[in-house]
């Protein structure tokens, strides 16, 4: 149907868990906010670009989301410590595990 978007894997809800694996909150993977300093750091890493344009910002976000998604496809629950340090920094300190709801 025209105008309908196919649901992508990035739209799956995530459960953010504390160290005891109690639910803190549920959000969509695409709702995770990447702080500006991390966007710039990743843009420098991937593109050697200290002032990323919207194309580079979008690519940084996609790589960030794909890293998390690839870990969650390997197993249903992932420790934050298993993620790249820049990805880890995007989650509140009390979040220690991620679980994708299928």
PDB file of N, CA and C in Angstrom:
ATOM      1  N   UNK A   1       0.844  -1.177   0.000  1.00  0.00           N
ATOM      2  CA  UNK A   1       0.000   0.000   0.000  1.00  0.00           C
ATOM      3  C   UNK A   1       0.886   1.236   0.000  1.00  0.00           C
ATOM      4  N   UNK A   2       0.537   2.216  -0.756  1.00  0.00           N
ATOM      5  CA  UNK A   2       1.317   3.444  -0.844  1.00  0.00           C
ATOM      6  C   UNK A   2       1.251   4.186   0.484  1.00  0.00           C
ATOM      7  N   UNK A   3       2.415   4.698   0.908  1.00  0.00           N
ATOM      8  CA  UNK A   3       2.468   5.476   2.135  1.00  0.00           C
ATOM      9  C   UNK A   3       2.752   4.665   3.379  1.00  0.00           C
ATOM     10  N   UNK A   4       2.646   3.360   3.302  1.00  0.00           N
ATOM     11  CA  UNK A   4       2.953   2.523   4.458  1.00  0.00           C
ATOM     12  C   UNK A   4       4.400   2.103   4.405  1.00  0.00           C
ATOM     13  N   UNK A   5       5.088   2.288   5.507  1.00  0.00           N
ATOM     14  CA  UNK A   5       6.479   1.875   5.583  1.00  0.00           C
ATOM     15  C   UNK A   5       6.561   0.487   6.184  1.00  0.00           C
ATOM     16  N   UNK A   6       7.484  -0.276   5.638  1.00  0.00           N
ATOM     17  CA  UNK A   6       7.740  -1.597   6.192  1.00  0.00           C
ATOM     18  C   UNK A   6       8.444  -1.418   7.529  1.00  0.00           C
ATOM     19  N   UNK A   7       8.027  -2.154   8.521  1.00  0.00           N
ATOM     20  CA  UNK A   7       8.636  -2.056   9.845  1.00  0.00           C
ATOM     21  C   UNK A   7      10.038  -2.654   9.803  1.00  0.00           C
ATOM     22  N   UNK A   8      11.015  -1.892  10.250  1.00  0.00           N
ATOM     23  CA  UNK A   8      12.393  -2.386  10.253  1.00  0.00           C
ATOM     24  C   UNK A   8      12.737  -2.935  11.627  1.00  0.00           C
ATOM     25  N   UNK A   9      13.849  -3.662  11.702  1.00  0.00           N
ATOM     26  CA  UNK A   9      14.307  -4.228  12.963  1.00  0.00           C
ATOM     27  C   UNK A   9      14.646  -3.168  13.993  1.00  0.00           C
ATOM     28  N   UNK A  10      14.940  -1.964  13.541  1.00  0.00           N
ATOM     29  CA  UNK A  10      15.307  -0.905  14.471  1.00  0.00           C
ATOM     30  C   UNK A  10      14.104  -0.382  15.239  1.00  0.00           C
ATOM     31  N   UNK A  11      12.903  -0.775  14.843  1.00  0.00           N
ATOM     32  CA  UNK A  11      11.696  -0.297  15.512  1.00  0.00           C
ATOM     33  C   UNK A  11      11.279  -1.178  16.675  1.00  0.00           C
ATOM     34  N   UNK A  12      11.964  -2.282  16.890  1.00  0.00           N
ATOM     35  CA  UNK A  12      11.606  -3.158  17.990  1.00  0.00           C
ATOM     36  C   UNK A  12      11.842  -2.478  19.326  1.00  0.00           C
ATOM     37  N   UNK A  13      10.926  -2.716  20.254  1.00  0.00           N
ATOM     38  CA  UNK A  13      11.127  -2.137  21.581  1.00  0.00           C
ATOM     39  C   UNK A  13      12.261  -2.836  22.337  1.00  0.00           C
ATOM     40  N   UNK A  14      12.951  -2.035  23.121  1.00  0.00           N
ATOM     41  CA  UNK A  14      14.015  -2.518  23.996  1.00  0.00           C
ATOM     42  C   UNK A  14      13.574  -2.359  25.426  1.00  0.00           C
ATOM     43  N   UNK A  15      13.980  -3.287  26.254  1.00  0.00           N
ATOM     44  CA  UNK A  15      13.789  -3.151  27.689  1.00  0.00           C
ATOM     45  C   UNK A  15      15.164  -2.840  28.269  1.00  0.00           C
ATOM     46  N   UNK A  16      15.248  -1.760  29.012  1.00  0.00           N
ATOM     47  CA  UNK A  16      16.488  -1.383  29.693  1.00  0.00           C
ATOM     48  C   UNK A  16      16.423  -1.931  31.107  1.00  0.00           C
ATOM     49  N   UNK A  17      17.461  -2.650  31.503  1.00  0.00           N
ATOM     50  CA  UNK A  17      17.464  -3.360  32.777  1.00  0.00           C
ATOM     51  C   UNK A  17      18.565  -2.876  33.700  1.00  0.00           C
ATOM     52  N   UNK A  18      18.309  -2.923  34.989  1.00  0.00           N
ATOM     53  CA  UNK A  18      19.315  -2.546  35.983  1.00  0.00           C
ATOM     54  C   UNK A  18      20.240  -3.734  36.259  1.00  0.00           C
ATOM     55  N   UNK A  19      21.217  -3.598  37.170  1.00  0.00           N
ATOM     56  CA  UNK A  19      22.154  -4.697  37.432  1.00  0.00           C
ATOM     57  C   UNK A  19      21.487  -6.004  37.878  1.00  0.00           C
ATOM     58  N   UNK A  20      20.314  -5.913  38.526  1.00  0.00           N
ATOM     59  CA  UNK A  20      19.598  -7.109  38.967  1.00  0.00           C
ATOM     60  C   UNK A  20      18.608  -7.598  37.911  1.00  0.00           C
ATOM     61  N   UNK A  21      18.666  -6.995  36.735  1.00  0.00           N
ATOM     62  CA  UNK A  21      17.801  -7.316  35.590  1.00  0.00           C
ATOM     63  C   UNK A  21      16.334  -6.980  35.833  1.00  0.00           C
ATOM     64  N   UNK A  22      16.107  -5.943  36.639  1.00  0.00           N
ATOM     65  CA  UNK A  22      14.767  -5.384  36.809  1.00  0.00           C
ATOM     66  C   UNK A  22      14.556  -4.350  35.712  1.00  0.00           C
ATOM     67  N   UNK A  23      13.342  -4.277  35.212  1.00  0.00           N
ATOM     68  CA  UNK A  23      13.034  -3.336  34.138  1.00  0.00           C
ATOM     69  C   UNK A  23      13.086  -1.896  34.643  1.00  0.00           C
ATOM     70  N   UNK A  24      13.829  -1.076  33.928  1.00  0.00           N
ATOM     71  CA  UNK A  24      13.882   0.363  34.221  1.00  0.00           C
ATOM     72  C   UNK A  24      12.865   1.076  33.333  1.00  0.00           C
ATOM     73  N   UNK A  25      12.914   0.744  32.039  1.00  0.00           N
ATOM     74  CA  UNK A  25      11.983   1.345  31.091  1.00  0.00           C
ATOM     75  C   UNK A  25      12.000   0.575  29.785  1.00  0.00           C
ATOM     76  N   UNK A  26      11.024   0.852  28.946  1.00  0.00           N
ATOM     77  CA  UNK A  26      10.952   0.290  27.603  1.00  0.00           C
ATOM     78  C   UNK A  26      10.953   1.449  26.620  1.00  0.00           C
ATOM     79  N   UNK A  27      11.727   1.305  25.556  1.00  0.00           N
ATOM     80  CA  UNK A  27      11.757   2.323  24.506  1.00  0.00           C
ATOM     81  C   UNK A  27      12.090   1.638  23.189  1.00  0.00           C
ATOM     82  N   UNK A  28      11.840   2.317  22.086  1.00  0.00           N
ATOM     83  CA  UNK A  28      12.256   1.797  20.787  1.00  0.00           C
ATOM     84  C   UNK A  28      13.740   2.074  20.602  1.00  0.00           C
ATOM     85  N   UNK A  29      14.406   1.194  19.887  1.00  0.00           N
ATOM     86  CA  UNK A  29      15.827   1.364  19.616  1.00  0.00           C
ATOM     87  C   UNK A  29      16.102   2.723  18.982  1.00  0.00           C
ATOM     88  N   UNK A  30      15.215   3.170  18.105  1.00  0.00           N
ATOM     89  CA  UNK A  30      15.415   4.451  17.419  1.00  0.00           C
ATOM     90  C   UNK A  30      15.239   5.661  18.335  1.00  0.00           C
ATOM     91  N   UNK A  31      14.731   5.458  19.544  1.00  0.00           N
ATOM     92  CA  UNK A  31      14.539   6.566  20.489  1.00  0.00           C
ATOM     93  C   UNK A  31      15.782   6.863  21.328  1.00  0.00           C
ATOM     94  N   UNK A  32      16.791   6.030  21.224  1.00  0.00           N
ATOM     95  CA  UNK A  32      18.002   6.259  22.009  1.00  0.00           C
ATOM     96  C   UNK A  32      18.702   7.504  21.483  1.00  0.00           C
ATOM     97  N   UNK A  33      18.999   8.416  22.370  1.00  0.00           N
ATOM     98  CA  UNK A  33      19.631   9.682  22.005  1.00  0.00           C
ATOM     99  C   UNK A  33      21.146   9.531  22.095  1.00  0.00           C
ATOM    100  N   UNK A  34      21.821   9.926  21.025  1.00  0.00           N
ATOM    101  CA  UNK A  34      23.282   9.906  21.023  1.00  0.00           C
ATOM    102  C   UNK A  34      23.745  11.326  21.338  1.00  0.00           C
ATOM    103  N   UNK A  35      24.429  11.527  22.457  1.00  0.00           N
ATOM    104  CA  UNK A  35      24.902  12.874  22.804  1.00  0.00           C
ATOM    105  C   UNK A  35      25.820  13.455  21.723  1.00  0.00           C
ATOM    106  N   UNK A  36      25.784  14.752  21.599  1.00  0.00           N
ATOM    107  CA  UNK A  36      26.536  15.453  20.553  1.00  0.00           C
ATOM    108  C   UNK A  36      28.026  15.122  20.582  1.00  0.00           C
ATOM    109  N   UNK A  37      28.630  15.046  21.765  1.00  0.00           N
ATOM    110  CA  UNK A  37      30.064  14.759  21.823  1.00  0.00           C
ATOM    111  C   UNK A  37      30.379  13.370  21.262  1.00  0.00           C
ATOM    112  N   UNK A  38      29.464  12.439  21.423  1.00  0.00           N
ATOM    113  CA  UNK A  38      29.681  11.091  20.881  1.00  0.00           C
ATOM    114  C   UNK A  38      29.461  11.089  19.368  1.00  0.00           C
ATOM    115  N   UNK A  39      28.464  11.839  18.893  1.00  0.00           N
ATOM    116  CA  UNK A  39      28.259  11.963  17.442  1.00  0.00           C
ATOM    117  C   UNK A  39      29.532  12.483  16.791  1.00  0.00           C
ATOM    118  N   UNK A  40      30.109  13.511  17.376  1.00  0.00           N
ATOM    119  CA  UNK A  40      31.329  14.097  16.810  1.00  0.00           C
ATOM    120  C   UNK A  40      32.490  13.105  16.895  1.00  0.00           C
ATOM    121  N   UNK A  41      32.644  12.452  18.034  1.00  0.00           N
ATOM    122  CA  UNK A  41      33.735  11.477  18.190  1.00  0.00           C
ATOM    123  C   UNK A  41      33.607  10.346  17.170  1.00  0.00           C
ATOM    124  N   UNK A  42      32.399   9.842  16.960  1.00  0.00           N
ATOM    125  CA  UNK A  42      32.184   8.770  15.989  1.00  0.00           C
ATOM    126  C   UNK A  42      32.348   9.276  14.556  1.00  0.00           C
ATOM    127  N   UNK A  43      31.943  10.503  14.304  1.00  0.00           N
ATOM    128  CA  UNK A  43      32.131  11.089  12.981  1.00  0.00           C
ATOM    129  C   UNK A  43      33.619  11.221  12.652  1.00  0.00           C
ATOM    130  N   UNK A  44      34.401  11.586  13.632  1.00  0.00           N
ATOM    131  CA  UNK A  44      35.851  11.664  13.434  1.00  0.00           C
ATOM    132  C   UNK A  44      36.402  10.258  13.173  1.00  0.00           C
ATOM    133  N   UNK A  45      35.947   9.287  13.953  1.00  0.00           N
ATOM    134  CA  UNK A  45      36.425   7.907  13.797  1.00  0.00           C
ATOM    135  C   UNK A  45      36.084   7.347  12.423  1.00  0.00           C
ATOM    136  N   UNK A  46      34.836   7.516  11.992  1.00  0.00           N
ATOM    137  CA  UNK A  46      34.385   6.908  10.750  1.00  0.00           C
ATOM    138  C   UNK A  46      34.743   7.717   9.503  1.00  0.00           C
ATOM    139  N   UNK A  47      34.713   9.050   9.623  1.00  0.00           N
ATOM    140  CA  UNK A  47      34.829   9.892   8.433  1.00  0.00           C
ATOM    141  C   UNK A  47      35.923  10.950   8.513  1.00  0.00           C
ATOM    142  N   UNK A  48      36.634  11.015   9.631  1.00  0.00           N
ATOM    143  CA  UNK A  48      37.633  12.060   9.845  1.00  0.00           C
ATOM    144  C   UNK A  48      36.984  13.442   9.667  1.00  0.00           C
ATOM    145  N   UNK A  49      35.793  13.585  10.222  1.00  0.00           N
ATOM    146  CA  UNK A  49      34.982  14.797  10.062  1.00  0.00           C
ATOM    147  C   UNK A  49      34.632  15.361  11.440  1.00  0.00           C
ATOM    148  N   UNK A  50      35.250  16.483  11.787  1.00  0.00           N
ATOM    149  CA  UNK A  50      35.012  17.116  13.088  1.00  0.00           C
ATOM    150  C   UNK A  50      33.732  17.943  13.129  1.00  0.00           C
ATOM    151  N   UNK A  51      33.210  18.292  11.969  1.00  0.00           N
ATOM    152  CA  UNK A  51      31.966  19.056  11.881  1.00  0.00           C
ATOM    153  C   UNK A  51      31.012  18.311  10.957  1.00  0.00           C
ATOM    154  N   UNK A  52      30.416  17.235  11.460  1.00  0.00           N
ATOM    155  CA  UNK A  52      29.632  16.363  10.580  1.00  0.00           C
ATOM    156  C   UNK A  52      28.389  17.022   9.999  1.00  0.00           C
ATOM    157  N   UNK A  53      28.212  16.783   8.703  1.00  0.00           N
ATOM    158  CA  UNK A  53      27.000  17.220   8.012  1.00  0.00           C
ATOM    159  C   UNK A  53      25.882  16.243   8.375  1.00  0.00           C
ATOM    160  N   UNK A  54      24.687  16.510   7.893  1.00  0.00           N
ATOM    161  CA  UNK A  54      23.545  15.651   8.215  1.00  0.00           C
ATOM    162  C   UNK A  54      23.736  14.235   7.676  1.00  0.00           C
ATOM    163  N   UNK A  55      24.409  14.089   6.551  1.00  0.00           N
ATOM    164  CA  UNK A  55      24.660  12.759   5.986  1.00  0.00           C
ATOM    165  C   UNK A  55      25.561  11.956   6.919  1.00  0.00           C
ATOM    166  N   UNK A  56      26.638  12.576   7.406  1.00  0.00           N
ATOM    167  CA  UNK A  56      27.534  11.872   8.329  1.00  0.00           C
ATOM    168  C   UNK A  56      26.855  11.608   9.667  1.00  0.00           C
ATOM    169  N   UNK A  57      26.050  12.547  10.144  1.00  0.00           N
ATOM    170  CA  UNK A  57      25.314  12.343  11.394  1.00  0.00           C
ATOM    171  C   UNK A  57      24.368  11.141  11.266  1.00  0.00           C
ATOM    172  N   UNK A  58      23.688  11.059  10.142  1.00  0.00           N
ATOM    173  CA  UNK A  58      22.775   9.957   9.900  1.00  0.00           C
ATOM    174  C   UNK A  58      23.538   8.626   9.831  1.00  0.00           C
ATOM    175  N   UNK A  59      24.679   8.625   9.176  1.00  0.00           N
ATOM    176  CA  UNK A  59      25.488   7.404   9.071  1.00  0.00           C
ATOM    177  C   UNK A  59      26.014   6.980  10.439  1.00  0.00           C
ATOM    178  N   UNK A  60      26.413   7.942  11.264  1.00  0.00           N
ATOM    179  CA  UNK A  60      26.873   7.637  12.625  1.00  0.00           C
ATOM    180  C   UNK A  60      25.733   6.988  13.400  1.00  0.00           C
ATOM    181  N   UNK A  61      24.549   7.556  13.307  1.00  0.00           N
ATOM    182  CA  UNK A  61      23.399   7.012  14.024  1.00  0.00           C
ATOM    183  C   UNK A  61      23.077   5.593  13.545  1.00  0.00           C
ATOM    184  N   UNK A  62      23.110   5.377  12.234  1.00  0.00           N
ATOM    185  CA  UNK A  62      22.821   4.044  11.698  1.00  0.00           C
ATOM    186  C   UNK A  62      23.854   3.025  12.175  1.00  0.00           C
ATOM    187  N   UNK A  63      25.124   3.387  12.169  1.00  0.00           N
ATOM    188  CA  UNK A  63      26.159   2.460  12.650  1.00  0.00           C
ATOM    189  C   UNK A  63      25.965   2.147  14.130  1.00  0.00           C
ATOM    190  N   UNK A  64      25.626   3.170  14.886  1.00  0.00           N
ATOM    191  CA  UNK A  64      25.361   3.001  16.316  1.00  0.00           C
ATOM    192  C   UNK A  64      24.209   2.006  16.523  1.00  0.00           C
ATOM    193  N   UNK A  65      23.102   2.227  15.823  1.00  0.00           N
ATOM    194  CA  UNK A  65      21.935   1.360  15.953  1.00  0.00           C
ATOM    195  C   UNK A  65      22.238  -0.056  15.470  1.00  0.00           C
ATOM    196  N   UNK A  66      23.001  -0.180  14.395  1.00  0.00           N
ATOM    197  CA  UNK A  66      23.334  -1.502  13.867  1.00  0.00           C
ATOM    198  C   UNK A  66      24.232  -2.278  14.822  1.00  0.00           C
ATOM    199  N   UNK A  67      25.115  -1.592  15.529  1.00  0.00           N
ATOM    200  CA  UNK A  67      25.950  -2.298  16.509  1.00  0.00           C
ATOM    201  C   UNK A  67      25.078  -2.922  17.595  1.00  0.00           C
ATOM    202  N   UNK A  68      24.157  -2.135  18.114  1.00  0.00           N
ATOM    203  CA  UNK A  68      23.270  -2.644  19.165  1.00  0.00           C
ATOM    204  C   UNK A  68      22.394  -3.771  18.615  1.00  0.00           C
ATOM    205  N   UNK A  69      21.826  -3.559  17.449  1.00  0.00           N
ATOM    206  CA  UNK A  69      20.952  -4.565  16.854  1.00  0.00           C
ATOM    207  C   UNK A  69      21.705  -5.860  16.575  1.00  0.00           C
ATOM    208  N   UNK A  70      22.925  -5.769  16.073  1.00  0.00           N
ATOM    209  CA  UNK A  70      23.687  -6.992  15.776  1.00  0.00           C
ATOM    210  C   UNK A  70      23.974  -7.791  17.048  1.00  0.00           C
ATOM    211  N   UNK A  71      24.254  -7.100  18.149  1.00  0.00           N
ATOM    212  CA  UNK A  71      24.469  -7.804  19.424  1.00  0.00           C
ATOM    213  C   UNK A  71      23.189  -8.493  19.884  1.00  0.00           C
ATOM    214  N   UNK A  72      22.050  -7.796  19.723  1.00  0.00           N
ATOM    215  CA  UNK A  72      20.777  -8.363  20.172  1.00  0.00           C
ATOM    216  C   UNK A  72      20.288  -9.481  19.269  1.00  0.00           C
ATOM    217  N   UNK A  73      20.762  -9.546  18.040  1.00  0.00           N
ATOM    218  CA  UNK A  73      20.403 -10.655  17.161  1.00  0.00           C
ATOM    219  C   UNK A  73      21.186 -11.908  17.531  1.00  0.00           C
ATOM    220  N   UNK A  74      22.363 -11.732  18.134  1.00  0.00           N
ATOM    221  CA  UNK A  74      23.177 -12.871  18.566  1.00  0.00           C
ATOM    222  C   UNK A  74      22.557 -13.563  19.771  1.00  0.00           C
ATOM    223  N   UNK A  75      22.003 -12.765  20.672  1.00  0.00           N
ATOM    224  CA  UNK A  75      21.358 -13.299  21.868  1.00  0.00           C
ATOM    225  C   UNK A  75      20.308 -12.298  22.334  1.00  0.00           C
ATOM    226  N   UNK A  76      19.270 -12.757  23.000  1.00  0.00           N
ATOM    227  CA  UNK A  76      18.144 -11.876  23.331  1.00  0.00           C
ATOM    228  C   UNK A  76      18.436 -10.819  24.394  1.00  0.00           C
ATOM    229  N   UNK A  77      19.478 -11.028  25.181  1.00  0.00           N
ATOM    230  CA  UNK A  77      19.823 -10.071  26.231  1.00  0.00           C
ATOM    231  C   UNK A  77      21.316  -9.782  26.158  1.00  0.00           C
ATOM    232  N   UNK A  78      21.667  -8.504  26.225  1.00  0.00           N
ATOM    233  CA  UNK A  78      23.064  -8.098  26.072  1.00  0.00           C
ATOM    234  C   UNK A  78      23.464  -7.208  27.247  1.00  0.00           C
ATOM    235  N   UNK A  79      24.635  -7.466  27.791  1.00  0.00           N
ATOM    236  CA  UNK A  79      25.191  -6.585  28.821  1.00  0.00           C
ATOM    237  C   UNK A  79      25.716  -5.328  28.148  1.00  0.00           C
ATOM    238  N   UNK A  80      25.450  -4.186  28.742  1.00  0.00           N
ATOM    239  CA  UNK A  80      25.941  -2.913  28.203  1.00  0.00           C
ATOM    240  C   UNK A  80      27.458  -2.974  28.030  1.00  0.00           C
ATOM    241  N   UNK A  81      28.140  -3.670  28.922  1.00  0.00           N
ATOM    242  CA  UNK A  81      29.601  -3.783  28.874  1.00  0.00           C
ATOM    243  C   UNK A  81      30.092  -4.449  27.591  1.00  0.00           C
ATOM    244  N   UNK A  82      29.228  -5.171  26.885  1.00  0.00           N
ATOM    245  CA  UNK A  82      29.608  -5.828  25.634  1.00  0.00           C
ATOM    246  C   UNK A  82      29.616  -4.865  24.449  1.00  0.00           C
ATOM    247  N   UNK A  83      29.036  -3.688  24.620  1.00  0.00           N
ATOM    248  CA  UNK A  83      28.962  -2.703  23.545  1.00  0.00           C
ATOM    249  C   UNK A  83      30.231  -1.867  23.487  1.00  0.00           C
ATOM    250  N   UNK A  84      30.431  -1.232  22.353  1.00  0.00           N
ATOM    251  CA  UNK A  84      31.520  -0.271  22.185  1.00  0.00           C
ATOM    252  C   UNK A  84      31.395   0.788  23.291  1.00  0.00           C
ATOM    253  N   UNK A  85      32.510   1.271  23.838  1.00  0.00           N
ATOM    254  CA  UNK A  85      32.437   2.281  24.908  1.00  0.00           C
ATOM    255  C   UNK A  85      31.614   3.518  24.544  1.00  0.00           C
ATOM    256  N   UNK A  86      31.648   3.936  23.283  1.00  0.00           N
ATOM    257  CA  UNK A  86      30.840   5.091  22.886  1.00  0.00           C
ATOM    258  C   UNK A  86      29.351   4.759  22.923  1.00  0.00           C
ATOM    259  N   UNK A  87      28.993   3.533  22.595  1.00  0.00           N
ATOM    260  CA  UNK A  87      27.588   3.106  22.707  1.00  0.00           C
ATOM    261  C   UNK A  87      27.177   3.029  24.176  1.00  0.00           C
ATOM    262  N   UNK A  88      28.068   2.514  25.004  1.00  0.00           N
ATOM    263  CA  UNK A  88      27.776   2.403  26.431  1.00  0.00           C
ATOM    264  C   UNK A  88      27.443   3.761  27.031  1.00  0.00           C
ATOM    265  N   UNK A  89      28.164   4.782  26.586  1.00  0.00           N
ATOM    266  CA  UNK A  89      28.004   6.125  27.149  1.00  0.00           C
ATOM    267  C   UNK A  89      26.646   6.748  26.830  1.00  0.00           C
ATOM    268  N   UNK A  90      25.887   6.161  25.933  1.00  0.00           N
ATOM    269  CA  UNK A  90      24.574   6.704  25.562  1.00  0.00           C
ATOM    270  C   UNK A  90      23.453   6.246  26.486  1.00  0.00           C
ATOM    271  N   UNK A  91      23.767   5.344  27.392  1.00  0.00           N
ATOM    272  CA  UNK A  91      22.760   4.821  28.309  1.00  0.00           C
ATOM    273  C   UNK A  91      23.007   5.365  29.717  1.00  0.00           C
ATOM    274  N   UNK A  92      21.941   5.553  30.487  1.00  0.00           N
ATOM    275  CA  UNK A  92      22.118   5.980  31.886  1.00  0.00           C
ATOM    276  C   UNK A  92      22.995   4.978  32.639  1.00  0.00           C
ATOM    277  N   UNK A  93      23.679   5.466  33.640  1.00  0.00           N
ATOM    278  CA  UNK A  93      24.635   4.652  34.393  1.00  0.00           C
ATOM    279  C   UNK A  93      24.001   3.411  35.015  1.00  0.00           C
ATOM    280  N   UNK A  94      22.739   3.501  35.425  1.00  0.00           N
ATOM    281  CA  UNK A  94      22.105   2.360  36.087  1.00  0.00           C
ATOM    282  C   UNK A  94      21.619   1.282  35.109  1.00  0.00           C
ATOM    283  N   UNK A  95      21.673   1.553  33.800  1.00  0.00           N
ATOM    284  CA  UNK A  95      21.294   0.541  32.812  1.00  0.00           C
ATOM    285  C   UNK A  95      22.491  -0.368  32.576  1.00  0.00           C
ATOM    286  N   UNK A  96      22.306  -1.661  32.840  1.00  0.00           N
ATOM    287  CA  UNK A  96      23.410  -2.621  32.700  1.00  0.00           C
ATOM    288  C   UNK A  96      23.130  -3.687  31.656  1.00  0.00           C
ATOM    289  N   UNK A  97      21.857  -3.862  31.267  1.00  0.00           N
ATOM    290  CA  UNK A  97      21.498  -4.875  30.278  1.00  0.00           C
ATOM    291  C   UNK A  97      20.415  -4.330  29.335  1.00  0.00           C
ATOM    292  N   UNK A  98      20.394  -4.864  28.110  1.00  0.00           N
ATOM    293  CA  UNK A  98      19.356  -4.560  27.140  1.00  0.00           C
ATOM    294  C   UNK A  98      18.696  -5.869  26.738  1.00  0.00           C
ATOM    295  N   UNK A  99      17.397  -5.813  26.549  1.00  0.00           N
ATOM    296  CA  UNK A  99      16.658  -6.981  26.058  1.00  0.00           C
ATOM    297  C   UNK A  99      15.712  -6.493  24.974  1.00  0.00           C
ATOM    298  N   UNK A 100      15.733  -7.166  23.832  1.00  0.00           N
ATOM    299  CA  UNK A 100      14.813  -6.787  22.758  1.00  0.00           C
ATOM    300  C   UNK A 100      13.542  -7.609  22.887  1.00  0.00           C
ATOM    301  N   UNK A 101      12.413  -6.935  22.698  1.00  0.00           N
ATOM    302  CA  UNK A 101      11.119  -7.606  22.717  1.00  0.00           C
ATOM    303  C   UNK A 101      10.770  -7.938  21.270  1.00  0.00           C
ATOM    304  N   UNK A 102      10.545  -9.202  20.999  1.00  0.00           N
ATOM    305  CA  UNK A 102      10.216  -9.630  19.622  1.00  0.00           C
ATOM    306  C   UNK A 102       8.738  -9.742  19.419  1.00  0.00           C
TER     307      UNK A 102
END
